Amino acid sequence: YPNYQHRKLYLEQQLLKRSINLDPAFLDQIAQESEGASYNKLKRIITEALIFSTIALRPVTEDDFEKALDSEIRHVEKLTTNL
């Protein structure tokens, strides 16, 4: 699995290819938080963030990456309530 520097470099390259601009501090957070993640997992995070933005019909945001991190890295599930 890639170390921190390789994860950060991979993320930078993949985001550059897709013309996605994230705050460098946020990109650093993703690289740190994804400790133990494979390149495929990092790619899934990017893809999921893009899907979230496409569904919302807007450019990708840090919030989209937060949601992707929740499902892929943090394993956080949203609770839904039926009122």
PDB file of N, CA and C in Angstrom:
ATOM      1  N   TYR A   1       0.833  -1.180   0.000  1.00  0.00           N
ATOM      2  CA  TYR A   1       0.000   0.000   0.000  1.00  0.00           C
ATOM      3  C   TYR A   1       0.883   1.250   0.000  1.00  0.00           C
ATOM      4  N   PRO A   2       0.427   2.292  -0.669  1.00  0.00           N
ATOM      5  CA  PRO A   2       1.247   3.498  -0.768  1.00  0.00           C
ATOM      6  C   PRO A   2       1.366   4.226   0.578  1.00  0.00           C
ATOM      7  N   ASN A   3       2.548   4.804   0.790  1.00  0.00           N
ATOM      8  CA  ASN A   3       2.742   5.598   1.995  1.00  0.00           C
ATOM      9  C   ASN A   3       2.111   6.980   1.794  1.00  0.00           C
ATOM     10  N   TYR A   4       2.202   7.799   2.825  1.00  0.00           N
ATOM     11  CA  TYR A   4       1.568   9.126   2.791  1.00  0.00           C
ATOM     12  C   TYR A   4       1.976   9.932   1.556  1.00  0.00           C
ATOM     13  N   GLN A   5       3.275  10.021   1.284  1.00  0.00           N
ATOM     14  CA  GLN A   5       3.755  10.833   0.158  1.00  0.00           C
ATOM     15  C   GLN A   5       3.218  10.310  -1.167  1.00  0.00           C
ATOM     16  N   HIS A   6       3.196   8.989  -1.342  1.00  0.00           N
ATOM     17  CA  HIS A   6       2.692   8.406  -2.585  1.00  0.00           C
ATOM     18  C   HIS A   6       1.179   8.607  -2.722  1.00  0.00           C
ATOM     19  N   ARG A   7       0.452   8.510  -1.607  1.00  0.00           N
ATOM     20  CA  ARG A   7      -0.995   8.750  -1.658  1.00  0.00           C
ATOM     21  C   ARG A   7      -1.270  10.191  -2.059  1.00  0.00           C
ATOM     22  N   LYS A   8      -0.542  11.115  -1.454  1.00  0.00           N
ATOM     23  CA  LYS A   8      -0.750  12.533  -1.752  1.00  0.00           C
ATOM     24  C   LYS A   8      -0.415  12.828  -3.213  1.00  0.00           C
ATOM     25  N   LEU A   9       0.690  12.299  -3.697  1.00  0.00           N
ATOM     26  CA  LEU A   9       1.083  12.507  -5.086  1.00  0.00           C
ATOM     27  C   LEU A   9       0.049  11.911  -6.039  1.00  0.00           C
ATOM     28  N   TYR A  10      -0.430  10.709  -5.738  1.00  0.00           N
ATOM     29  CA  TYR A  10      -1.449  10.070  -6.570  1.00  0.00           C
ATOM     30  C   TYR A  10      -2.718  10.916  -6.613  1.00  0.00           C
ATOM     31  N   LEU A  11      -3.168  11.375  -5.454  1.00  0.00           N
ATOM     32  CA  LEU A  11      -4.364  12.216  -5.398  1.00  0.00           C
ATOM     33  C   LEU A  11      -4.163  13.496  -6.206  1.00  0.00           C
ATOM     34  N   GLU A  12      -3.018  14.137  -6.043  1.00  0.00           N
ATOM     35  CA  GLU A  12      -2.733  15.365  -6.794  1.00  0.00           C
ATOM     36  C   GLU A  12      -2.793  15.111  -8.291  1.00  0.00           C
ATOM     37  N   GLN A  13      -2.190  14.022  -8.745  1.00  0.00           N
ATOM     38  CA  GLN A  13      -2.171  13.699 -10.174  1.00  0.00           C
ATOM     39  C   GLN A  13      -3.567  13.398 -10.699  1.00  0.00           C
ATOM     40  N   GLN A  14      -4.323  12.611  -9.953  1.00  0.00           N
ATOM     41  CA  GLN A  14      -5.666  12.248 -10.392  1.00  0.00           C
ATOM     42  C   GLN A  14      -6.608  13.457 -10.423  1.00  0.00           C
ATOM     43  N   LEU A  15      -6.485  14.327  -9.434  1.00  0.00           N
ATOM     44  CA  LEU A  15      -7.335  15.524  -9.407  1.00  0.00           C
ATOM     45  C   LEU A  15      -6.947  16.489 -10.515  1.00  0.00           C
ATOM     46  N   LEU A  16      -5.667  16.601 -10.795  1.00  0.00           N
ATOM     47  CA  LEU A  16      -5.195  17.466 -11.877  1.00  0.00           C
ATOM     48  C   LEU A  16      -5.742  16.979 -13.217  1.00  0.00           C
ATOM     49  N   LYS A  17      -5.737  15.667 -13.435  1.00  0.00           N
ATOM     50  CA  LYS A  17      -6.277  15.089 -14.670  1.00  0.00           C
ATOM     51  C   LYS A  17      -7.743  15.444 -14.865  1.00  0.00           C
ATOM     52  N   ARG A  18      -8.453  15.560 -13.758  1.00  0.00           N
ATOM     53  CA  ARG A  18      -9.896  15.821 -13.808  1.00  0.00           C
ATOM     54  C   ARG A  18     -10.240  17.291 -13.583  1.00  0.00           C
ATOM     55  N   SER A  19      -9.227  18.136 -13.525  1.00  0.00           N
ATOM     56  CA  SER A  19      -9.394  19.584 -13.295  1.00  0.00           C
ATOM     57  C   SER A  19     -10.175  19.871 -12.018  1.00  0.00           C
ATOM     58  N   ILE A  20      -9.870  19.124 -10.969  1.00  0.00           N
ATOM     59  CA  ILE A  20     -10.500  19.328  -9.663  1.00  0.00           C
ATOM     60  C   ILE A  20      -9.501  20.052  -8.778  1.00  0.00           C
ATOM     61  N   ASN A  21      -9.899  21.197  -8.264  1.00  0.00           N
ATOM     62  CA  ASN A  21      -9.033  21.981  -7.389  1.00  0.00           C
ATOM     63  C   ASN A  21      -9.539  21.889  -5.956  1.00  0.00           C
ATOM     64  N   LEU A  22      -8.715  21.332  -5.096  1.00  0.00           N
ATOM     65  CA  LEU A  22      -9.039  21.271  -3.676  1.00  0.00           C
ATOM     66  C   LEU A  22      -8.003  22.062  -2.906  1.00  0.00           C
ATOM     67  N   ASP A  23      -8.396  22.578  -1.767  1.00  0.00           N
ATOM     68  CA  ASP A  23      -7.476  23.265  -0.872  1.00  0.00           C
ATOM     69  C   ASP A  23      -6.340  22.295  -0.526  1.00  0.00           C
ATOM     70  N   PRO A  24      -5.079  22.736  -0.631  1.00  0.00           N
ATOM     71  CA  PRO A  24      -3.959  21.844  -0.309  1.00  0.00           C
ATOM     72  C   PRO A  24      -4.047  21.227   1.086  1.00  0.00           C
ATOM     73  N   ALA A  25      -4.560  21.962   2.045  1.00  0.00           N
ATOM     74  CA  ALA A  25      -4.701  21.425   3.405  1.00  0.00           C
ATOM     75  C   ALA A  25      -5.721  20.288   3.431  1.00  0.00           C
ATOM     76  N   PHE A  26      -6.782  20.417   2.636  1.00  0.00           N
ATOM     77  CA  PHE A  26      -7.798  19.363   2.573  1.00  0.00           C
ATOM     78  C   PHE A  26      -7.235  18.129   1.871  1.00  0.00           C
ATOM     79  N   LEU A  27      -6.477  18.348   0.820  1.00  0.00           N
ATOM     80  CA  LEU A  27      -5.829  17.237   0.112  1.00  0.00           C
ATOM     81  C   LEU A  27      -4.879  16.500   1.063  1.00  0.00           C
ATOM     82  N   ASP A  28      -4.174  17.251   1.869  1.00  0.00           N
ATOM     83  CA  ASP A  28      -3.282  16.675   2.865  1.00  0.00           C
ATOM     84  C   ASP A  28      -4.077  15.831   3.865  1.00  0.00           C
ATOM     85  N   GLN A  29      -5.234  16.334   4.266  1.00  0.00           N
ATOM     86  CA  GLN A  29      -6.098  15.600   5.201  1.00  0.00           C
ATOM     87  C   GLN A  29      -6.531  14.268   4.594  1.00  0.00           C
ATOM     88  N   ILE A  30      -6.915  14.279   3.326  1.00  0.00           N
ATOM     89  CA  ILE A  30      -7.333  13.041   2.661  1.00  0.00           C
ATOM     90  C   ILE A  30      -6.174  12.046   2.645  1.00  0.00           C
ATOM     91  N   ALA A  31      -4.983  12.528   2.285  1.00  0.00           N
ATOM     92  CA  ALA A  31      -3.813  11.649   2.223  1.00  0.00           C
ATOM     93  C   ALA A  31      -3.498  11.055   3.599  1.00  0.00           C
ATOM     94  N   GLN A  32      -3.638  11.851   4.649  1.00  0.00           N
ATOM     95  CA  GLN A  32      -3.371  11.356   6.000  1.00  0.00           C
ATOM     96  C   GLN A  32      -4.441  10.363   6.441  1.00  0.00           C
ATOM     97  N   GLU A  33      -5.686  10.717   6.177  1.00  0.00           N
ATOM     98  CA  GLU A  33      -6.800   9.902   6.648  1.00  0.00           C
ATOM     99  C   GLU A  33      -6.911   8.566   5.916  1.00  0.00           C
ATOM    100  N   SER A  34      -6.332   8.500   4.735  1.00  0.00           N
ATOM    101  CA  SER A  34      -6.443   7.281   3.937  1.00  0.00           C
ATOM    102  C   SER A  34      -5.289   6.308   4.182  1.00  0.00           C
ATOM    103  N   GLU A  35      -4.664   6.402   5.342  1.00  0.00           N
ATOM    104  CA  GLU A  35      -3.592   5.472   5.734  1.00  0.00           C
ATOM    105  C   GLU A  35      -4.065   4.035   5.525  1.00  0.00           C
ATOM    106  N   GLY A  36      -3.262   3.236   4.823  1.00  0.00           N
ATOM    107  CA  GLY A  36      -3.613   1.833   4.584  1.00  0.00           C
ATOM    108  C   GLY A  36      -4.493   1.615   3.372  1.00  0.00           C
ATOM    109  N   ALA A  37      -4.837   2.677   2.662  1.00  0.00           N
ATOM    110  CA  ALA A  37      -5.687   2.558   1.476  1.00  0.00           C
ATOM    111  C   ALA A  37      -4.843   2.250   0.244  1.00  0.00           C
ATOM    112  N   SER A  38      -5.388   1.440  -0.637  1.00  0.00           N
ATOM    113  CA  SER A  38      -4.720   1.121  -1.893  1.00  0.00           C
ATOM    114  C   SER A  38      -4.998   2.232  -2.911  1.00  0.00           C
ATOM    115  N   TYR A  39      -4.285   2.167  -4.036  1.00  0.00           N
ATOM    116  CA  TYR A  39      -4.552   3.126  -5.110  1.00  0.00           C
ATOM    117  C   TYR A  39      -5.987   2.971  -5.618  1.00  0.00           C
ATOM    118  N   ASN A  40      -6.476   1.736  -5.654  1.00  0.00           N
ATOM    119  CA  ASN A  40      -7.861   1.517  -6.093  1.00  0.00           C
ATOM    120  C   ASN A  40      -8.856   2.181  -5.147  1.00  0.00           C
ATOM    121  N   LYS A  41      -8.585   2.115  -3.857  1.00  0.00           N
ATOM    122  CA  LYS A  41      -9.471   2.752  -2.867  1.00  0.00           C
ATOM    123  C   LYS A  41      -9.442   4.267  -3.047  1.00  0.00           C
ATOM    124  N   LEU A  42      -8.259   4.836  -3.292  1.00  0.00           N
ATOM    125  CA  LEU A  42      -8.157   6.283  -3.524  1.00  0.00           C
ATOM    126  C   LEU A  42      -8.934   6.679  -4.769  1.00  0.00           C
ATOM    127  N   LYS A  43      -8.841   5.853  -5.793  1.00  0.00           N
ATOM    128  CA  LYS A  43      -9.581   6.133  -7.032  1.00  0.00           C
ATOM    129  C   LYS A  43     -11.086   6.072  -6.781  1.00  0.00           C
ATOM    130  N   ARG A  44     -11.526   5.115  -5.944  1.00  0.00           N
ATOM    131  CA  ARG A  44     -12.959   5.019  -5.609  1.00  0.00           C
ATOM    132  C   ARG A  44     -13.441   6.258  -4.866  1.00  0.00           C
ATOM    133  N   ILE A  45     -12.597   6.811  -4.003  1.00  0.00           N
ATOM    134  CA  ILE A  45     -12.963   8.036  -3.276  1.00  0.00           C
ATOM    135  C   ILE A  45     -13.200   9.170  -4.276  1.00  0.00           C
ATOM    136  N   ILE A  46     -12.302   9.320  -5.224  1.00  0.00           N
ATOM    137  CA  ILE A  46     -12.442  10.373  -6.237  1.00  0.00           C
ATOM    138  C   ILE A  46     -13.689  10.132  -7.074  1.00  0.00           C
ATOM    139  N   THR A  47     -13.884   8.891  -7.509  1.00  0.00           N
ATOM    140  CA  THR A  47     -15.048   8.556  -8.339  1.00  0.00           C
ATOM    141  C   THR A  47     -16.343   8.821  -7.593  1.00  0.00           C
ATOM    142  N   GLU A  48     -16.413   8.422  -6.332  1.00  0.00           N
ATOM    143  CA  GLU A  48     -17.620   8.660  -5.542  1.00  0.00           C
ATOM    144  C   GLU A  48     -17.909  10.145  -5.389  1.00  0.00           C
ATOM    145  N   ALA A  49     -16.870  10.930  -5.126  1.00  0.00           N
ATOM    146  CA  ALA A  49     -17.052  12.380  -4.999  1.00  0.00           C
ATOM    147  C   ALA A  49     -17.604  12.954  -6.308  1.00  0.00           C
ATOM    148  N   LEU A  50     -17.091  12.468  -7.430  1.00  0.00           N
ATOM    149  CA  LEU A  50     -17.590  12.922  -8.735  1.00  0.00           C
ATOM    150  C   LEU A  50     -19.046  12.517  -8.944  1.00  0.00           C
ATOM    151  N   ILE A  51     -19.411  11.333  -8.501  1.00  0.00           N
ATOM    152  CA  ILE A  51     -20.795  10.880  -8.623  1.00  0.00           C
ATOM    153  C   ILE A  51     -21.719  11.769  -7.791  1.00  0.00           C
ATOM    154  N   PHE A  52     -21.312  12.067  -6.560  1.00  0.00           N
ATOM    155  CA  PHE A  52     -22.127  12.939  -5.709  1.00  0.00           C
ATOM    156  C   PHE A  52     -22.355  14.300  -6.380  1.00  0.00           C
ATOM    157  N   SER A  53     -21.307  14.852  -6.965  1.00  0.00           N
ATOM    158  CA  SER A  53     -21.449  16.169  -7.611  1.00  0.00           C
ATOM    159  C   SER A  53     -22.298  16.080  -8.868  1.00  0.00           C
ATOM    160  N   THR A  54     -22.169  14.994  -9.607  1.00  0.00           N
ATOM    161  CA  THR A  54     -22.964  14.815 -10.831  1.00  0.00           C
ATOM    162  C   THR A  54     -24.440  14.701 -10.496  1.00  0.00           C
ATOM    163  N   ILE A  55     -24.759  13.961  -9.452  1.00  0.00           N
ATOM    164  CA  ILE A  55     -26.158  13.816  -9.024  1.00  0.00           C
ATOM    165  C   ILE A  55     -26.730  15.178  -8.651  1.00  0.00           C
ATOM    166  N   ALA A  56     -25.914  16.009  -8.010  1.00  0.00           N
ATOM    167  CA  ALA A  56     -26.359  17.345  -7.584  1.00  0.00           C
ATOM    168  C   ALA A  56     -26.257  18.374  -8.707  1.00  0.00           C
ATOM    169  N   LEU A  57     -25.755  17.964  -9.876  1.00  0.00           N
ATOM    170  CA  LEU A  57     -25.634  18.850 -11.044  1.00  0.00           C
ATOM    171  C   LEU A  57     -24.799  20.101 -10.755  1.00  0.00           C
ATOM    172  N   ARG A  58     -23.626  19.869 -10.152  1.00  0.00           N
ATOM    173  CA  ARG A  58     -22.729  20.987  -9.834  1.00  0.00           C
ATOM    174  C   ARG A  58     -21.291  20.473  -9.826  1.00  0.00           C
ATOM    175  N   PRO A  59     -20.332  21.394  -9.834  1.00  0.00           N
ATOM    176  CA  PRO A  59     -18.927  20.961  -9.744  1.00  0.00           C
ATOM    177  C   PRO A  59     -18.647  20.258  -8.414  1.00  0.00           C
ATOM    178  N   VAL A  60     -17.656  19.413  -8.407  1.00  0.00           N
ATOM    179  CA  VAL A  60     -17.289  18.662  -7.209  1.00  0.00           C
ATOM    180  C   VAL A  60     -16.772  19.614  -6.124  1.00  0.00           C
ATOM    181  N   THR A  61     -17.129  19.314  -4.879  1.00  0.00           N
ATOM    182  CA  THR A  61     -16.735  20.146  -3.745  1.00  0.00           C
ATOM    183  C   THR A  61     -16.055  19.289  -2.675  1.00  0.00           C
ATOM    184  N   GLU A  62     -15.497  19.955  -1.685  1.00  0.00           N
ATOM    185  CA  GLU A  62     -14.901  19.237  -0.566  1.00  0.00           C
ATOM    186  C   GLU A  62     -15.950  18.409   0.166  1.00  0.00           C
ATOM    187  N   ASP A  63     -17.184  18.895   0.196  1.00  0.00           N
ATOM    188  CA  ASP A  63     -18.257  18.148   0.842  1.00  0.00           C
ATOM    189  C   ASP A  63     -18.472  16.800   0.155  1.00  0.00           C
ATOM    190  N   ASP A  64     -18.343  16.769  -1.170  1.00  0.00           N
ATOM    191  CA  ASP A  64     -18.469  15.504  -1.901  1.00  0.00           C
ATOM    192  C   ASP A  64     -17.368  14.535  -1.479  1.00  0.00           C
ATOM    193  N   PHE A  65     -16.161  15.062  -1.286  1.00  0.00           N
ATOM    194  CA  PHE A  65     -15.057  14.219  -0.824  1.00  0.00           C
ATOM    195  C   PHE A  65     -15.276  13.769   0.611  1.00  0.00           C
ATOM    196  N   GLU A  66     -15.866  14.626   1.436  1.00  0.00           N
ATOM    197  CA  GLU A  66     -16.183  14.227   2.819  1.00  0.00           C
ATOM    198  C   GLU A  66     -17.148  13.045   2.812  1.00  0.00           C
ATOM    199  N   LYS A  67     -18.175  13.111   1.976  1.00  0.00           N
ATOM    200  CA  LYS A  67     -19.148  12.012   1.879  1.00  0.00           C
ATOM    201  C   LYS A  67     -18.467  10.735   1.390  1.00  0.00           C
ATOM    202  N   ALA A  68     -17.585  10.870   0.404  1.00  0.00           N
ATOM    203  CA  ALA A  68     -16.868   9.705  -0.119  1.00  0.00           C
ATOM    204  C   ALA A  68     -15.956   9.101   0.946  1.00  0.00           C
ATOM    205  N   LEU A  69     -15.287   9.966   1.718  1.00  0.00           N
ATOM    206  CA  LEU A  69     -14.446   9.476   2.812  1.00  0.00           C
ATOM    207  C   LEU A  69     -15.287   8.779   3.874  1.00  0.00           C
ATOM    208  N   ASP A  70     -16.472   9.330   4.141  1.00  0.00           N
ATOM    209  CA  ASP A  70     -17.364   8.702   5.119  1.00  0.00           C
ATOM    210  C   ASP A  70     -17.673   7.262   4.729  1.00  0.00           C
ATOM    211  N   SER A  71     -17.969   7.028   3.463  1.00  0.00           N
ATOM    212  CA  SER A  71     -18.356   5.673   3.064  1.00  0.00           C
ATOM    213  C   SER A  71     -17.159   4.768   2.800  1.00  0.00           C
ATOM    214  N   GLU A  72     -16.083   5.286   2.237  1.00  0.00           N
ATOM    215  CA  GLU A  72     -14.952   4.443   1.844  1.00  0.00           C
ATOM    216  C   GLU A  72     -13.900   4.257   2.933  1.00  0.00           C
ATOM    217  N   ILE A  73     -13.667   5.257   3.748  1.00  0.00           N
ATOM    218  CA  ILE A  73     -12.593   5.196   4.743  1.00  0.00           C
ATOM    219  C   ILE A  73     -13.143   5.146   6.162  1.00  0.00           C
ATOM    220  N   ARG A  74     -14.037   6.055   6.466  1.00  0.00           N
ATOM    221  CA  ARG A  74     -14.542   6.166   7.842  1.00  0.00           C
ATOM    222  C   ARG A  74     -15.627   5.140   8.146  1.00  0.00           C
ATOM    223  N   HIS A  75     -16.247   4.599   7.116  1.00  0.00           N
ATOM    224  CA  HIS A  75     -17.340   3.637   7.245  1.00  0.00           C
ATOM    225  C   HIS A  75     -18.478   4.185   8.095  1.00  0.00           C
ATOM    226  N   VAL A  76     -18.844   5.422   7.778  1.00  0.00           N
ATOM    227  CA  VAL A  76     -19.948   6.090   8.460  1.00  0.00           C
ATOM    228  C   VAL A  76     -21.189   5.938   7.582  1.00  0.00           C
ATOM    229  N   GLU A  77     -22.258   5.500   8.190  1.00  0.00           N
ATOM    230  CA  GLU A  77     -23.515   5.382   7.460  1.00  0.00           C
ATOM    231  C   GLU A  77     -24.450   6.477   7.919  1.00  0.00           C
ATOM    232  N   LYS A  78     -25.126   7.071   6.949  1.00  0.00           N
ATOM    233  CA  LYS A  78     -26.116   8.097   7.313  1.00  0.00           C
ATOM    234  C   LYS A  78     -27.370   7.413   7.797  1.00  0.00           C
ATOM    235  N   LEU A  79     -27.895   7.928   8.878  1.00  0.00           N
ATOM    236  CA  LEU A  79     -29.159   7.433   9.380  1.00  0.00           C
ATOM    237  C   LEU A  79     -30.272   8.184   8.702  1.00  0.00           C
ATOM    238  N   THR A  80     -31.241   7.457   8.233  1.00  0.00           N
ATOM    239  CA  THR A  80     -32.394   8.102   7.603  1.00  0.00           C
ATOM    240  C   THR A  80     -33.584   7.935   8.524  1.00  0.00           C
ATOM    241  N   THR A  81     -34.374   8.949   8.568  1.00  0.00           N
ATOM    242  CA  THR A  81     -35.578   8.877   9.390  1.00  0.00           C
ATOM    243  C   THR A  81     -36.790   9.087   8.500  1.00  0.00           C
ATOM    244  N   ASN A  82     -37.798   8.341   8.766  1.00  0.00           N
ATOM    245  CA  ASN A  82     -39.057   8.492   8.047  1.00  0.00           C
ATOM    246  C   ASN A  82     -40.039   9.204   8.960  1.00  0.00           C
ATOM    247  N   LEU A  83     -40.266  10.458   8.690  1.00  0.00           N
ATOM    248  CA  LEU A  83     -41.188  11.220   9.529  1.00  0.00           C
ATOM    249  C   LEU A  83     -42.533  11.301   8.895  1.00  0.00           C
TER     250      LEU A  83
END
